[in-house]
N, C-alpha and C. Protein backbone atom coordinates (compact mmCIF):
# COMPACT_ATOMS: atom_id res chain seq x y z
N MET A 1 1.27 -0.91 0.01
CA MET A 1 -0.04 -0.03 0.02
C MET A 1 1.20 1.22 -0.10
N ASP A 2 0.78 2.27 -0.88
CA ASP A 2 1.35 3.73 -0.99
C ASP A 2 1.10 4.50 0.17
N ALA A 3 1.59 5.48 0.32
CA ALA A 3 1.77 6.48 1.86
C ALA A 3 0.28 6.89 1.17
N ARG A 4 0.05 7.20 0.25
CA ARG A 4 -1.38 8.50 0.47
C ARG A 4 -2.90 7.58 0.11
N SER A 5 -2.48 6.15 -0.21
CA SER A 5 -4.08 5.03 0.06
C SER A 5 -3.50 4.70 2.33
N MET A 6 -2.49 4.87 2.63
CA MET A 6 -2.64 4.82 3.85
C MET A 6 -3.22 6.15 4.40
N ARG A 7 -2.72 7.52 4.35
CA ARG A 7 -3.23 8.22 4.85
C ARG A 7 -4.44 8.55 4.54
N ARG A 8 -5.22 8.49 3.40
CA ARG A 8 -6.83 8.16 3.18
C ARG A 8 -7.31 6.99 3.94
N HIS A 9 -6.62 6.01 4.20
CA HIS A 9 -7.54 5.29 5.19
C HIS A 9 -7.54 5.54 6.88
N PHE A 10 -5.82 6.27 7.04
CA PHE A 10 -5.78 6.82 8.52
C PHE A 10 -7.09 7.92 8.62
N VAL A 11 -7.17 9.28 7.98
CA VAL A 11 -8.12 10.07 7.93
C VAL A 11 -9.56 9.31 8.42
N ALA A 12 -9.66 8.08 7.01
CA ALA A 12 -11.10 8.06 7.35
C ALA A 12 -11.07 7.29 8.58
N GLY A 13 -10.33 6.32 9.00
CA GLY A 13 -10.40 5.94 10.53
C GLY A 13 -10.44 6.64 11.76
N LEU A 14 -9.56 8.18 11.42
CA LEU A 14 -9.57 9.37 12.48
C LEU A 14 -11.00 9.83 12.28
N ILE A 15 -11.32 9.84 11.57
CA ILE A 15 -13.12 10.67 11.73
C ILE A 15 -14.10 10.03 12.48
N ALA A 16 -14.19 8.61 11.72
CA ALA A 16 -14.79 7.35 12.33
C ALA A 16 -14.58 7.04 14.02
N GLY A 17 -13.69 6.99 14.01
CA GLY A 17 -13.63 7.15 15.56
C GLY A 17 -14.08 8.48 16.50
N LEU A 18 -13.59 9.70 15.92
CA LEU A 18 -14.15 10.76 16.50
C LEU A 18 -15.73 10.88 16.47
N ARG A 19 -16.26 10.46 15.19
CA ARG A 19 -17.55 10.44 15.88
C ARG A 19 -18.12 9.64 16.57
N VAL A 20 -17.38 8.79 16.98
CA VAL A 20 -17.99 7.56 18.18
C VAL A 20 -17.82 8.70 19.61
N VAL A 21 -16.45 9.03 19.40
CA VAL A 21 -16.37 9.82 21.02
C VAL A 21 -16.71 11.14 21.18
N TRP A 22 -17.01 11.45 20.05
CA TRP A 22 -17.25 13.31 20.18
C TRP A 22 -18.43 13.64 21.05
N PRO A 23 -19.43 13.06 21.68
CA PRO A 23 -20.02 13.64 22.79
C PRO A 23 -19.27 13.48 24.32
N ILE A 24 -18.31 12.23 23.72
CA ILE A 24 -17.54 12.61 25.58
C ILE A 24 -16.14 14.17 25.21
N LEU A 25 -16.04 13.85 24.33
CA LEU A 25 -14.91 15.17 23.87
C LEU A 25 -15.78 16.17 24.03
N SER A 26 -16.54 16.76 23.64
CA SER A 26 -17.51 17.82 23.73
C SER A 26 -17.91 18.30 24.77
N SER A 27 -18.63 17.03 25.78
CA SER A 27 -18.14 17.11 27.21
C SER A 27 -17.55 17.39 27.87
N LEU A 28 -15.78 17.00 28.00
CA LEU A 28 -14.84 17.31 28.77
C LEU A 28 -14.47 19.13 27.98
N ILE A 29 -14.60 19.21 27.01
CA ILE A 29 -14.23 20.77 26.34
C ILE A 29 -15.55 22.05 27.24
N ILE A 30 -16.74 21.35 27.68
CA ILE A 30 -17.84 22.07 28.39
C ILE A 30 -17.34 22.07 29.60
N LEU A 31 -16.98 21.32 29.94
CA LEU A 31 -16.89 20.96 31.77
C LEU A 31 -14.97 21.75 32.05
N MET A 32 -14.22 22.13 31.07
CA MET A 32 -13.06 21.95 31.04
C MET A 32 -13.36 23.79 31.37
N ILE A 33 -14.63 24.71 30.15
CA ILE A 33 -14.31 25.91 29.98
C ILE A 33 -15.36 26.63 31.05
N ALA A 34 -16.75 25.52 31.91
CA ALA A 34 -17.25 25.25 32.76
C ALA A 34 -16.08 25.81 34.28
N LEU A 35 -15.50 25.18 34.27
CA LEU A 35 -14.31 24.78 35.65
C LEU A 35 -13.76 26.68 35.21
N GLY A 36 -12.99 26.76 34.06
CA GLY A 36 -12.31 27.69 33.56
C GLY A 36 -13.24 29.33 34.34
N LEU A 37 -14.41 29.15 33.77
CA LEU A 37 -15.03 30.01 34.23
C LEU A 37 -15.51 30.44 35.67
N LEU A 38 -15.56 28.87 36.26
CA LEU A 38 -15.95 29.15 38.13
C LEU A 38 -14.38 30.41 38.18
N VAL A 39 -13.34 29.11 38.29
CA VAL A 39 -11.98 30.23 38.08
C VAL A 39 -11.91 31.14 38.64
N GLY A 40 -12.02 31.96 37.18
CA GLY A 40 -12.23 32.95 36.65
C GLY A 40 -13.12 34.13 37.33
N LEU A 41 -14.54 33.70 37.76
CA LEU A 41 -15.19 34.26 38.71
C LEU A 41 -14.34 34.27 40.14
N ARG A 42 -13.96 33.56 40.25
CA ARG A 42 -13.79 33.30 41.73
C ARG A 42 -12.15 34.35 42.17
N GLU A 43 -11.26 34.35 41.15
CA GLU A 43 -10.68 34.74 40.60
C GLU A 43 -10.17 36.37 40.30
N GLY A 44 -11.37 36.50 39.74
CA GLY A 44 -11.81 38.12 39.42
C GLY A 44 -11.31 38.36 37.97
N TRP A 45 -11.04 36.98 37.12
CA TRP A 45 -10.37 37.46 35.90
C TRP A 45 -11.70 37.97 34.69
N SER A 46 -11.36 38.05 34.02
CA SER A 46 -12.12 37.90 32.29
C SER A 46 -12.69 36.85 31.83
N ILE A 47 -13.86 36.60 31.32
CA ILE A 47 -14.22 35.69 30.90
C ILE A 47 -12.73 34.93 29.67
N GLN A 48 -12.34 35.77 28.94
CA GLN A 48 -11.06 35.33 28.21
C GLN A 48 -10.24 34.88 28.68
N GLU A 49 -10.09 35.87 29.68
CA GLU A 49 -8.72 35.34 30.27
C GLU A 49 -8.95 33.46 31.56
N SER A 50 -10.16 33.89 31.62
CA SER A 50 -10.76 32.19 32.05
C SER A 50 -10.74 31.14 31.53
N VAL A 51 -10.96 31.42 29.90
CA VAL A 51 -11.13 30.28 29.36
C VAL A 51 -9.67 30.38 28.47
N TYR A 52 -9.02 31.16 28.57
CA TYR A 52 -7.86 30.88 28.10
C TYR A 52 -6.78 29.70 29.54
N PHE A 53 -6.92 30.07 30.34
CA PHE A 53 -6.42 29.51 31.54
C PHE A 53 -7.33 28.32 31.27
N ALA A 54 -8.42 27.63 31.34
CA ALA A 54 -8.61 26.74 31.51
C ALA A 54 -8.30 25.57 29.89
N PHE A 55 -8.13 26.79 29.18
CA PHE A 55 -7.15 25.26 27.89
C PHE A 55 -5.63 25.27 28.25
N VAL A 56 -5.19 26.18 28.44
CA VAL A 56 -3.77 26.55 28.90
C VAL A 56 -3.34 25.37 30.48
N SER A 57 -4.05 25.40 30.64
CA SER A 57 -3.82 24.15 32.60
C SER A 57 -4.54 23.27 31.71
N GLY A 58 -5.67 22.87 30.99
CA GLY A 58 -6.02 21.66 30.65
C GLY A 58 -5.18 20.93 29.41
N LEU A 59 -4.48 21.24 28.43
CA LEU A 59 -4.37 20.94 27.37
C LEU A 59 -2.47 20.83 27.59
N THR A 60 -2.30 21.86 28.41
CA THR A 60 -0.66 21.46 28.48
C THR A 60 -0.23 21.74 30.25
N ILE A 61 0.76 22.42 30.59
CA ILE A 61 1.18 22.06 31.83
C ILE A 61 0.94 23.97 32.39
N GLY A 62 0.70 24.57 31.80
CA GLY A 62 0.38 25.48 31.92
C GLY A 62 1.36 26.52 31.76
N TYR A 63 1.10 28.29 31.45
CA TYR A 63 2.23 28.88 31.28
C TYR A 63 2.88 29.49 32.73
N GLY A 64 1.81 29.89 33.28
CA GLY A 64 1.96 30.32 34.59
C GLY A 64 1.58 31.96 35.34
N ASP A 65 1.48 32.23 33.59
CA ASP A 65 1.07 33.85 33.50
C ASP A 65 -0.30 34.13 34.77
N LEU A 66 -1.28 33.29 34.62
CA LEU A 66 -2.53 33.36 35.72
C LEU A 66 -2.22 31.71 36.01
N ALA A 67 -2.62 32.05 37.32
CA ALA A 67 -2.52 31.50 38.59
C ALA A 67 -2.90 31.64 39.86
N PRO A 68 -4.30 30.69 40.25
CA PRO A 68 -5.39 30.86 41.39
C PRO A 68 -5.02 31.30 42.16
N LYS A 69 -5.55 31.79 43.12
CA LYS A 69 -5.04 31.91 44.31
C LYS A 69 -5.43 31.47 45.61
N SER A 70 -7.14 31.34 45.41
CA SER A 70 -7.41 30.69 46.48
C SER A 70 -7.65 28.61 46.66
N LEU A 71 -8.23 28.67 47.39
CA LEU A 71 -7.43 27.38 47.41
C LEU A 71 -8.98 26.56 46.58
N LEU A 72 -10.39 26.98 46.43
CA LEU A 72 -11.20 26.34 45.63
C LEU A 72 -10.61 26.58 44.50
N ALA A 73 -10.03 28.01 43.92
CA ALA A 73 -9.96 27.40 42.35
C ALA A 73 -8.82 26.77 42.49
N ARG A 74 -7.61 26.68 43.71
CA ARG A 74 -6.71 25.90 42.85
C ARG A 74 -7.11 24.56 42.63
N ALA A 75 -8.67 23.99 43.18
CA ALA A 75 -9.15 22.46 43.41
C ALA A 75 -9.77 22.78 42.08
N LEU A 76 -10.10 23.23 41.84
CA LEU A 76 -10.89 23.42 40.37
C LEU A 76 -9.89 23.60 39.25
N ALA A 77 -8.97 23.63 39.36
CA ALA A 77 -7.69 23.86 38.63
C ALA A 77 -7.61 22.43 38.30
N ILE A 78 -7.15 21.68 39.68
CA ILE A 78 -6.59 20.20 39.51
C ILE A 78 -7.73 19.60 38.69
N LEU A 79 -9.27 19.83 38.46
CA LEU A 79 -10.03 19.18 37.95
C LEU A 79 -9.90 19.35 36.15
N ILE A 80 -9.46 20.75 36.06
CA ILE A 80 -9.24 21.07 34.36
C ILE A 80 -8.44 20.56 34.17
N GLY A 81 -7.13 20.07 34.86
CA GLY A 81 -6.16 19.29 34.75
C GLY A 81 -6.39 17.73 34.09
N VAL A 82 -7.02 17.59 35.48
CA VAL A 82 -7.76 15.55 34.60
C VAL A 82 -8.48 15.28 33.53
N CYS A 83 -9.46 16.93 33.45
CA CYS A 83 -10.33 16.93 32.28
C CYS A 83 -9.10 16.86 30.70
N GLY A 84 -8.32 17.75 30.79
CA GLY A 84 -7.31 17.76 30.14
C GLY A 84 -6.48 16.25 29.71
N VAL A 85 -5.45 15.87 30.70
CA VAL A 85 -5.32 14.38 30.75
C VAL A 85 -6.57 13.25 29.45
N LEU A 86 -7.71 13.46 30.48
CA LEU A 86 -9.19 12.59 29.72
C LEU A 86 -9.05 13.13 28.40
N PHE A 87 -9.08 14.16 28.12
CA PHE A 87 -9.56 14.89 26.64
C PHE A 87 -8.18 13.86 25.46
N THR A 88 -7.00 14.49 26.09
CA THR A 88 -5.51 14.35 24.94
C THR A 88 -5.78 12.66 25.15
N ALA A 89 -5.91 11.75 26.11
CA ALA A 89 -5.32 10.25 26.10
C ALA A 89 -6.81 9.48 25.77
N LEU A 90 -7.95 10.55 24.99
CA LEU A 90 -8.83 9.81 24.52
C LEU A 90 -8.52 10.16 22.48
N LEU A 91 -7.99 10.83 22.47
CA LEU A 91 -7.55 12.09 21.08
C LEU A 91 -6.61 11.00 21.16
N ALA A 92 -5.52 10.86 21.16
CA ALA A 92 -4.42 9.91 21.11
C ALA A 92 -5.02 8.10 21.06
N ALA A 93 -5.79 8.10 21.74
CA ALA A 93 -6.03 6.42 21.50
C ALA A 93 -7.43 6.35 20.27
N VAL A 94 -8.12 7.37 19.95
CA VAL A 94 -8.32 7.31 18.22
C VAL A 94 -7.77 8.00 17.61
N ALA A 95 -6.34 7.74 17.27
CA ALA A 95 -5.86 8.51 16.48
C ALA A 95 -4.65 6.96 16.20
N VAL A 96 -4.30 6.68 17.41
CA VAL A 96 -3.65 5.35 16.92
C VAL A 96 -4.79 3.61 16.57
N LYS A 97 -5.94 4.30 17.34
CA LYS A 97 -6.42 2.90 16.61
C LYS A 97 -7.11 3.20 14.93
N ALA A 98 -6.78 4.11 14.72
CA ALA A 98 -6.95 4.74 13.29
C ALA A 98 -5.72 3.96 12.58
N LEU A 99 -4.40 4.92 12.94
CA LEU A 99 -3.37 4.34 12.28
C LEU A 99 -3.14 2.75 12.36
N GLY A 100 -3.53 1.70 13.80
CA GLY A 100 -3.61 0.87 13.28
C GLY A 100 -4.43 -0.14 12.45
N ALA A 101 -5.55 0.24 12.47
CA ALA A 101 -6.24 0.10 11.04
C ALA A 101 -5.68 0.36 9.92
N ALA A 102 -5.24 1.45 9.82
CA ALA A 102 -4.82 1.69 8.27
C ALA A 102 -3.80 0.46 8.34
N SER A 103 -2.77 0.86 8.92
CA SER A 103 -1.33 -0.28 8.84
C SER A 103 -1.83 -1.59 8.75
N ASP A 104 -3.21 -1.96 9.11
CA ASP A 104 -3.96 -3.44 8.75
C ASP A 104 -4.26 -3.60 7.33
N ASP A 105 -4.80 -3.00 6.99
CA ASP A 105 -5.43 -2.67 6.18
C ASP A 105 -4.82 -2.48 4.81
N GLY A 106 -3.28 -2.34 4.85
CA GLY A 106 -2.11 -2.24 4.26
C GLY A 106 -1.70 -3.69 4.07
N GLU A 107 -1.60 -4.17 5.14
CA GLU A 107 -0.87 -4.70 5.10
C GLU A 107 -2.27 -6.62 4.23
N ASP A 108 -3.19 -6.63 4.42
CA ASP A 108 -4.22 -7.06 4.26
C ASP A 108 -4.11 -7.15 2.53
N GLY A 109 -4.28 -5.35 2.27
CA GLY A 109 -4.21 -5.58 0.43
C GLY A 109 -2.36 -6.26 -0.10
N ALA A 110 -1.72 -6.21 0.73
CA ALA A 110 -0.20 -6.50 0.03
C ALA A 110 -0.35 -8.31 0.13
N ARG A 111 -1.15 -8.64 0.31
CA ARG A 111 -1.18 -10.18 0.40
C ARG A 111 -1.91 -11.07 -0.56
């Protein structure tokens, strides 16, 4: 199987997998935003800063430019981090499954 065909199979598998897990992924995104808004409300941040904090804290280790100071906001930040880890792990699992399916299709076609 050539690279172009393998890419096509991978993208098709990725889209099929994302269709299955999209309700979970979108729920995690909404939860991260809601928790970020709660942290921002507690800390006195704007809506943009709150959403920025949620995604930077959830999908990376955070930049440190916004850091919650109250105990409740810090606990919510931990929950944002857990949601981010779950989101990233689920997205990576779907991609690995699609890559495995694409490479399996290539081996079956070569036989």
